[in-house]
Full PDB file with SEQRES, HELIX, SHEET, SSBOND, CRYST1, ORIGX, SCALE, CONECT and MASTER records, all heavy atoms in Angstrom:
SEQRES   1 A   31  VAL ALA THR GLU THR MET ASN MET ALA MET ASP LEU GLU          
SEQRES   2 A   31  THR PRO GLN ALA ASN SER GLY GLY THR LEU LEU GLU ALA          
SEQRES   3 A   31  VAL THR LYS ASP GLN                                          
HELIX    1 AA1 ALA A   17  GLY A   21  1                                   5    
CRYST1    1.000    1.000    1.000  90.00  90.00  90.00 P 1           1          
ORIGX1      1.000000  0.000000  0.000000        0.00000                         
ORIGX2      0.000000  1.000000  0.000000        0.00000                         
ORIGX3      0.000000  0.000000  1.000000        0.00000                         
SCALE1      1.000000  0.000000  0.000000        0.00000                         
SCALE2      0.000000  1.000000  0.000000        0.00000                         
SCALE3      0.000000  0.000000  1.000000        0.00000                         
ATOM      1  N   VAL A   1     -23.699  14.801 -23.293  1.00  0.00           N  
ATOM      2  CA  VAL A   1     -24.964  14.150 -23.646  1.00  0.00           C  
ATOM      3  C   VAL A   1     -24.896  12.641 -23.410  1.00  0.00           C  
ATOM      4  O   VAL A   1     -25.784  11.901 -23.845  1.00  0.00           O  
ATOM      5  CB  VAL A   1     -25.328  14.440 -25.117  1.00  0.00           C  
ATOM      6  CG1 VAL A   1     -25.629  15.899 -25.318  1.00  0.00           C  
ATOM      7  CG2 VAL A   1     -24.222  13.968 -26.057  1.00  0.00           C  
ATOM      8  N   ALA A   2     -23.863  12.173 -22.728  1.00  0.00           N  
ATOM      9  CA  ALA A   2     -23.746  10.740 -22.431  1.00  0.00           C  
ATOM     10  C   ALA A   2     -24.804  10.330 -21.412  1.00  0.00           C  
ATOM     11  O   ALA A   2     -25.193  11.119 -20.533  1.00  0.00           O  
ATOM     12  CB  ALA A   2     -22.352  10.422 -21.898  1.00  0.00           C  
ATOM     13  N   THR A   3     -25.278   9.108 -21.526  1.00  0.00           N  
ATOM     14  CA  THR A   3     -26.271   8.582 -20.586  1.00  0.00           C  
ATOM     15  C   THR A   3     -25.608   8.295 -19.245  1.00  0.00           C  
ATOM     16  O   THR A   3     -24.576   7.626 -19.173  1.00  0.00           O  
ATOM     17  CB  THR A   3     -26.909   7.300 -21.136  1.00  0.00           C  
ATOM     18  OG1 THR A   3     -27.540   7.597 -22.393  1.00  0.00           O  
ATOM     19  CG2 THR A   3     -27.951   6.750 -20.176  1.00  0.00           C  
ATOM     20  N   GLU A   4     -26.210   8.783 -18.193  1.00  0.00           N  
ATOM     21  CA  GLU A   4     -25.671   8.611 -16.843  1.00  0.00           C  
ATOM     22  C   GLU A   4     -26.690   7.864 -15.990  1.00  0.00           C  
ATOM     23  O   GLU A   4     -27.895   7.931 -16.223  1.00  0.00           O  
ATOM     24  CB  GLU A   4     -25.334   9.964 -16.218  1.00  0.00           C  
ATOM     25  CG  GLU A   4     -24.282  10.747 -16.992  1.00  0.00           C  
ATOM     26  CD  GLU A   4     -23.859  12.009 -16.267  1.00  0.00           C  
ATOM     27  OE1 GLU A   4     -24.030  12.051 -15.025  1.00  0.00           O  
ATOM     28  OE2 GLU A   4     -23.372  12.939 -16.921  1.00  0.00           O  
ATOM     29  N   THR A   5     -26.157   7.162 -14.987  1.00  0.00           N  
ATOM     30  CA  THR A   5     -26.980   6.377 -14.059  1.00  0.00           C  
ATOM     31  C   THR A   5     -26.833   6.946 -12.661  1.00  0.00           C  
ATOM     32  O   THR A   5     -25.718   7.282 -12.233  1.00  0.00           O  
ATOM     33  CB  THR A   5     -26.559   4.904 -14.073  1.00  0.00           C  
ATOM     34  OG1 THR A   5     -26.656   4.394 -15.409  1.00  0.00           O  
ATOM     35  CG2 THR A   5     -27.460   4.073 -13.176  1.00  0.00           C  
ATOM     36  N   MET A   6     -27.948   7.028 -11.958  1.00  0.00           N  
ATOM     37  CA  MET A   6     -27.928   7.585 -10.606  1.00  0.00           C  
ATOM     38  C   MET A   6     -28.904   6.812  -9.727  1.00  0.00           C  
ATOM     39  O   MET A   6     -29.962   6.375 -10.192  1.00  0.00           O  
ATOM     40  CB  MET A   6     -28.307   9.068 -10.634  1.00  0.00           C  
ATOM     41  CG  MET A   6     -28.274   9.742  -9.274  1.00  0.00           C  
ATOM     42  SD  MET A   6     -28.825  11.468  -9.355  1.00  0.00           S  
ATOM     43  CE  MET A   6     -27.564  12.167 -10.424  1.00  0.00           C  
ATOM     44  N   ASN A   7     -28.512   6.638  -8.483  1.00  0.00           N  
ATOM     45  CA  ASN A   7     -29.425   6.047  -7.509  1.00  0.00           C  
ATOM     46  C   ASN A   7     -30.609   6.982  -7.319  1.00  0.00           C  
ATOM     47  O   ASN A   7     -30.433   8.183  -7.099  1.00  0.00           O  
ATOM     48  CB  ASN A   7     -28.692   5.824  -6.182  1.00  0.00           C  
ATOM     49  CG  ASN A   7     -29.481   4.944  -5.233  1.00  0.00           C  
ATOM     50  OD1 ASN A   7     -30.693   5.097  -5.083  1.00  0.00           O  
ATOM     51  ND2 ASN A   7     -28.810   4.022  -4.589  1.00  0.00           N  
ATOM     52  N   MET A   8     -31.821   6.428  -7.419  1.00  0.00           N  
ATOM     53  CA  MET A   8     -32.998   7.297  -7.351  1.00  0.00           C  
ATOM     54  C   MET A   8     -33.202   7.891  -5.958  1.00  0.00           C  
ATOM     55  O   MET A   8     -33.996   8.824  -5.798  1.00  0.00           O  
ATOM     56  CB  MET A   8     -34.249   6.515  -7.758  1.00  0.00           C  
ATOM     57  CG  MET A   8     -34.672   5.449  -6.810  1.00  0.00           C  
ATOM     58  SD  MET A   8     -36.162   4.619  -7.407  1.00  0.00           S  
ATOM     59  CE  MET A   8     -36.542   3.592  -5.979  1.00  0.00           C  
ATOM     60  N   ALA A   9     -32.486   7.378  -4.948  1.00  0.00           N  
ATOM     61  CA  ALA A   9     -32.572   7.950  -3.608  1.00  0.00           C  
ATOM     62  C   ALA A   9     -31.562   9.073  -3.391  1.00  0.00           C  
ATOM     63  O   ALA A   9     -31.551   9.687  -2.329  1.00  0.00           O  
ATOM     64  CB  ALA A   9     -32.362   6.860  -2.555  1.00  0.00           C  
ATOM     65  N   MET A  10     -30.735   9.362  -4.383  1.00  0.00           N  
ATOM     66  CA  MET A  10     -29.710  10.388  -4.232  1.00  0.00           C  
ATOM     67  C   MET A  10     -30.342  11.774  -4.227  1.00  0.00           C  
ATOM     68  O   MET A  10     -31.117  12.128  -5.105  1.00  0.00           O  
ATOM     69  CB  MET A  10     -28.687  10.277  -5.368  1.00  0.00           C  
ATOM     70  CG  MET A  10     -27.577  11.317  -5.310  1.00  0.00           C  
ATOM     71  SD  MET A  10     -26.532  11.114  -3.843  1.00  0.00           S  
ATOM     72  CE  MET A  10     -25.790   9.523  -4.197  1.00  0.00           C  
ATOM     73  N   ASP A  11     -29.996  12.549  -3.203  1.00  0.00           N  
ATOM     74  CA  ASP A  11     -30.417  13.944  -3.101  1.00  0.00           C  
ATOM     75  C   ASP A  11     -29.183  14.802  -3.344  1.00  0.00           C  
ATOM     76  O   ASP A  11     -28.284  14.866  -2.502  1.00  0.00           O  
ATOM     77  CB  ASP A  11     -31.016  14.225  -1.728  1.00  0.00           C  
ATOM     78  CG  ASP A  11     -31.714  15.580  -1.665  1.00  0.00           C  
ATOM     79  OD1 ASP A  11     -31.298  16.488  -2.407  1.00  0.00           O  
ATOM     80  OD2 ASP A  11     -32.658  15.740  -0.876  1.00  0.00           O  
ATOM     81  N   LEU A  12     -29.114  15.466  -4.496  1.00  0.00           N  
ATOM     82  CA  LEU A  12     -27.918  16.231  -4.864  1.00  0.00           C  
ATOM     83  C   LEU A  12     -27.733  17.465  -4.001  1.00  0.00           C  
ATOM     84  O   LEU A  12     -26.611  17.964  -3.877  1.00  0.00           O  
ATOM     85  CB  LEU A  12     -28.004  16.628  -6.347  1.00  0.00           C  
ATOM     86  CG  LEU A  12     -28.067  15.458  -7.337  1.00  0.00           C  
ATOM     87  CD1 LEU A  12     -28.202  15.978  -8.759  1.00  0.00           C  
ATOM     88  CD2 LEU A  12     -26.846  14.569  -7.204  1.00  0.00           C  
ATOM     89  N   GLU A  13     -28.791  17.979  -3.421  1.00  0.00           N  
ATOM     90  CA  GLU A  13     -28.674  19.149  -2.556  1.00  0.00           C  
ATOM     91  C   GLU A  13     -28.324  18.775  -1.131  1.00  0.00           C  
ATOM     92  O   GLU A  13     -27.600  19.511  -0.453  1.00  0.00           O  
ATOM     93  CB  GLU A  13     -29.985  19.934  -2.587  1.00  0.00           C  
ATOM     94  CG  GLU A  13     -30.291  20.559  -3.935  1.00  0.00           C  
ATOM     95  CD  GLU A  13     -31.541  21.389  -3.923  1.00  0.00           C  
ATOM     96  OE1 GLU A  13     -32.527  20.949  -3.290  1.00  0.00           O  
ATOM     97  OE2 GLU A  13     -31.543  22.464  -4.541  1.00  0.00           O  
ATOM     98  N   THR A  14     -28.827  17.613  -0.668  1.00  0.00           N  
ATOM     99  CA  THR A  14     -28.529  17.146   0.691  1.00  0.00           C  
ATOM    100  C   THR A  14     -28.078  15.691   0.600  1.00  0.00           C  
ATOM    101  O   THR A  14     -28.902  14.768   0.676  1.00  0.00           O  
ATOM    102  CB  THR A  14     -29.771  17.266   1.601  1.00  0.00           C  
ATOM    103  OG1 THR A  14     -30.303  18.599   1.495  1.00  0.00           O  
ATOM    104  CG2 THR A  14     -29.407  16.970   3.043  1.00  0.00           C  
ATOM    105  N   PRO A  15     -26.786  15.443   0.414  1.00  0.00           N  
ATOM    106  CA  PRO A  15     -26.310  14.064   0.230  1.00  0.00           C  
ATOM    107  C   PRO A  15     -26.592  13.151   1.414  1.00  0.00           C  
ATOM    108  O   PRO A  15     -26.666  11.932   1.251  1.00  0.00           O  
ATOM    109  CB  PRO A  15     -24.798  14.243   0.016  1.00  0.00           C  
ATOM    110  CG  PRO A  15     -24.648  15.660  -0.458  1.00  0.00           C  
ATOM    111  CD  PRO A  15     -25.715  16.423   0.240  1.00  0.00           C  
ATOM    112  N   GLN A  16     -26.774  13.707   2.621  1.00  0.00           N  
ATOM    113  CA  GLN A  16     -27.020  12.868   3.791  1.00  0.00           C  
ATOM    114  C   GLN A  16     -28.456  12.365   3.858  1.00  0.00           C  
ATOM    115  O   GLN A  16     -28.757  11.447   4.639  1.00  0.00           O  
ATOM    116  CB  GLN A  16     -26.704  13.647   5.082  1.00  0.00           C  
ATOM    117  CG  GLN A  16     -25.262  14.082   5.221  1.00  0.00           C  
ATOM    118  CD  GLN A  16     -24.934  15.319   4.411  1.00  0.00           C  
ATOM    119  OE1 GLN A  16     -25.846  16.003   3.943  1.00  0.00           O  
ATOM    120  NE2 GLN A  16     -23.648  15.606   4.235  1.00  0.00           N  
ATOM    121  N   ALA A  17     -29.349  12.944   3.049  1.00  0.00           N  
ATOM    122  CA  ALA A  17     -30.753  12.537   3.101  1.00  0.00           C  
ATOM    123  C   ALA A  17     -30.931  11.157   2.496  1.00  0.00           C  
ATOM    124  O   ALA A  17     -30.071  10.650   1.774  1.00  0.00           O  
ATOM    125  CB  ALA A  17     -31.618  13.560   2.356  1.00  0.00           C  
ATOM    126  N   ASN A  18     -32.076  10.552   2.829  1.00  0.00           N  
ATOM    127  CA  ASN A  18     -32.447   9.225   2.302  1.00  0.00           C  
ATOM    128  C   ASN A  18     -31.370   8.177   2.617  1.00  0.00           C  
ATOM    129  O   ASN A  18     -30.928   7.432   1.751  1.00  0.00           O  
ATOM    130  CB  ASN A  18     -32.682   9.287   0.790  1.00  0.00           C  
ATOM    131  CG  ASN A  18     -33.800  10.225   0.413  1.00  0.00           C  
ATOM    132  OD1 ASN A  18     -34.748  10.413   1.166  1.00  0.00           O  
ATOM    133  ND2 ASN A  18     -33.679  10.853  -0.755  1.00  0.00           N  
ATOM    134  N   SER A  19     -30.950   8.167   3.874  1.00  0.00           N  
ATOM    135  CA  SER A  19     -29.939   7.197   4.348  1.00  0.00           C  
ATOM    136  C   SER A  19     -28.667   7.282   3.512  1.00  0.00           C  
ATOM    137  O   SER A  19     -28.093   6.272   3.088  1.00  0.00           O  
ATOM    138  CB  SER A  19     -30.501   5.769   4.313  1.00  0.00           C  
ATOM    139  OG  SER A  19     -31.654   5.654   5.111  1.00  0.00           O  
ATOM    140  N   GLY A  20     -28.230   8.505   3.294  1.00  0.00           N  
ATOM    141  CA  GLY A  20     -27.020   8.695   2.520  1.00  0.00           C  
ATOM    142  C   GLY A  20     -27.197   8.416   1.042  1.00  0.00           C  
ATOM    143  O   GLY A  20     -26.234   8.047   0.352  1.00  0.00           O  
ATOM    144  N   GLY A  21     -28.422   8.583   0.535  1.00  0.00           N  
ATOM    145  CA  GLY A  21     -28.674   8.357  -0.879  1.00  0.00           C  
ATOM    146  C   GLY A  21     -28.774   6.897  -1.265  1.00  0.00           C  
ATOM    147  O   GLY A  21     -28.519   6.550  -2.427  1.00  0.00           O  
ATOM    148  N   THR A  22     -29.161   6.039  -0.326  1.00  0.00           N  
ATOM    149  CA  THR A  22     -29.264   4.600  -0.608  1.00  0.00           C  
ATOM    150  C   THR A  22     -30.680   4.065  -0.529  1.00  0.00           C  
ATOM    151  O   THR A  22     -30.985   3.030  -1.130  1.00  0.00           O  
ATOM    152  CB  THR A  22     -28.384   3.802   0.366  1.00  0.00           C  
ATOM    153  OG1 THR A  22     -28.812   4.073   1.717  1.00  0.00           O  
ATOM    154  CG2 THR A  22     -26.916   4.201   0.215  1.00  0.00           C  
ATOM    155  N   LEU A  23     -31.576   4.735   0.212  1.00  0.00           N  
ATOM    156  CA  LEU A  23     -32.924   4.213   0.421  1.00  0.00           C  
ATOM    157  C   LEU A  23     -33.914   5.366   0.392  1.00  0.00           C  
ATOM    158  O   LEU A  23     -33.803   6.309   1.173  1.00  0.00           O  
ATOM    159  CB  LEU A  23     -33.016   3.470   1.761  1.00  0.00           C  
ATOM    160  CG  LEU A  23     -34.315   2.710   2.039  1.00  0.00           C  
ATOM    161  CD1 LEU A  23     -34.451   1.521   1.088  1.00  0.00           C  
ATOM    162  CD2 LEU A  23     -34.360   2.220   3.477  1.00  0.00           C  
ATOM    163  N   LEU A  24     -34.875   5.284  -0.512  1.00  0.00           N  
ATOM    164  CA  LEU A  24     -35.904   6.310  -0.634  1.00  0.00           C  
ATOM    165  C   LEU A  24     -37.148   5.866   0.110  1.00  0.00           C  
ATOM    166  O   LEU A  24     -37.670   4.786  -0.127  1.00  0.00           O  
ATOM    167  CB  LEU A  24     -36.236   6.552  -2.110  1.00  0.00           C  
ATOM    168  CG  LEU A  24     -37.311   7.597  -2.405  1.00  0.00           C  
ATOM    169  CD1 LEU A  24     -36.839   8.980  -1.965  1.00  0.00           C  
ATOM    170  CD2 LEU A  24     -37.671   7.598  -3.871  1.00  0.00           C  
ATOM    171  N   GLU A  25     -37.629   6.713   1.017  1.00  0.00           N  
ATOM    172  CA  GLU A  25     -38.802   6.374   1.815  1.00  0.00           C  
ATOM    173  C   GLU A  25     -40.071   6.901   1.152  1.00  0.00           C  
ATOM    174  O   GLU A  25     -40.083   7.968   0.556  1.00  0.00           O  
ATOM    175  CB  GLU A  25     -38.662   6.946   3.224  1.00  0.00           C  
ATOM    176  CG  GLU A  25     -37.524   6.328   4.029  1.00  0.00           C  
ATOM    177  CD  GLU A  25     -37.475   6.849   5.437  1.00  0.00           C  
ATOM    178  OE1 GLU A  25     -38.226   7.810   5.737  1.00  0.00           O  
ATOM    179  OE2 GLU A  25     -36.701   6.318   6.250  1.00  0.00           O  
ATOM    180  N   ALA A  26     -41.134   6.105   1.282  1.00  0.00           N  
ATOM    181  CA  ALA A  26     -42.444   6.483   0.749  1.00  0.00           C  
ATOM    182  C   ALA A  26     -43.516   5.854   1.627  1.00  0.00           C  
ATOM    183  O   ALA A  26     -43.283   4.813   2.263  1.00  0.00           O  
ATOM    184  CB  ALA A  26     -42.607   6.047  -0.696  1.00  0.00           C  
ATOM    185  N   VAL A  27     -44.691   6.461   1.646  1.00  0.00           N  
ATOM    186  CA  VAL A  27     -45.810   5.998   2.465  1.00  0.00           C  
ATOM    187  C   VAL A  27     -46.853   5.363   1.551  1.00  0.00           C  
ATOM    188  O   VAL A  27     -47.266   5.971   0.552  1.00  0.00           O  
ATOM    189  CB  VAL A  27     -46.433   7.147   3.269  1.00  0.00           C  
ATOM    190  CG1 VAL A  27     -47.603   6.643   4.113  1.00  0.00           C  
ATOM    191  CG2 VAL A  27     -45.378   7.789   4.167  1.00  0.00           C  
ATOM    192  N   THR A  28     -47.271   4.146   1.875  1.00  0.00           N  
ATOM    193  CA  THR A  28     -48.272   3.443   1.085  1.00  0.00           C  
ATOM    194  C   THR A  28     -49.676   3.873   1.508  1.00  0.00           C  
ATOM    195  O   THR A  28     -49.855   4.622   2.474  1.00  0.00           O  
ATOM    196  CB  THR A  28     -48.122   1.929   1.255  1.00  0.00           C  
ATOM    197  OG1 THR A  28     -48.456   1.570   2.617  1.00  0.00           O  
ATOM    198  CG2 THR A  28     -46.696   1.483   0.960  1.00  0.00           C  
ATOM    199  N   LYS A  29     -50.685   3.390   0.784  1.00  0.00           N  
ATOM    200  CA  LYS A  29     -52.066   3.733   1.123  1.00  0.00           C  
ATOM    201  C   LYS A  29     -52.502   3.101   2.445  1.00  0.00           C  
ATOM    202  O   LYS A  29     -53.509   3.521   3.016  1.00  0.00           O  
ATOM    203  CB  LYS A  29     -53.001   3.295   0.004  1.00  0.00           C  
ATOM    204  CG  LYS A  29     -53.088   1.788  -0.170  1.00  0.00           C  
ATOM    205  CD  LYS A  29     -54.081   1.433  -1.267  1.00  0.00           C  
ATOM    206  CE  LYS A  29     -54.212  -0.072  -1.411  1.00  0.00           C  
ATOM    207  NZ  LYS A  29     -55.177  -0.436  -2.469  1.00  0.00           N  
ATOM    208  N   ASP A  30     -51.728   2.112   2.938  1.00  0.00           N  
ATOM    209  CA  ASP A  30     -51.997   1.523   4.253  1.00  0.00           C  
ATOM    210  C   ASP A  30     -51.283   2.257   5.370  1.00  0.00           C  
ATOM    211  O   ASP A  30     -51.217   1.752   6.500  1.00  0.00           O  
ATOM    212  CB  ASP A  30     -51.564   0.048   4.262  1.00  0.00           C  
ATOM    213  CG  ASP A  30     -52.319  -0.766   3.232  1.00  0.00           C  
ATOM    214  OD1 ASP A  30     -53.498  -0.448   3.002  1.00  0.00           O  
ATOM    215  OD2 ASP A  30     -51.733  -1.693   2.656  1.00  0.00           O  
ATOM    216  N   GLN A  31     -50.711   3.434   5.045  1.00  0.00           N  
ATOM    217  CA  GLN A  31     -49.980   4.238   6.017  1.00  0.00           C  
ATOM    218  C   GLN A  31     -48.757   3.508   6.560  1.00  0.00           C  
ATOM    219  O   GLN A  31     -48.404   3.641   7.727  1.00  0.00           O  
ATOM    220  CB  GLN A  31     -50.904   4.661   7.174  1.00  0.00           C  
ATOM    221  CG  GLN A  31     -52.153   5.409   6.760  1.00  0.00           C  
ATOM    222  CD  GLN A  31     -51.840   6.674   5.974  1.00  0.00           C  
ATOM    223  OE1 GLN A  31     -50.952   7.433   6.338  1.00  0.00           O  
ATOM    224  NE2 GLN A  31     -52.565   6.887   4.888  1.00  0.00           N  
TER     225      GLN A  31                                                      
MASTER        0    0    0    1    0    0    0    6  224    1    0    3          
END                                                                             
């Protein structure tokens, strides 16, 4: 039950995704 910290770009199922779990991509309303 200890508090843990994780990079929000980390994909536990596919570690190679999101630039190796370092950068999360998103699309803005300006495309």
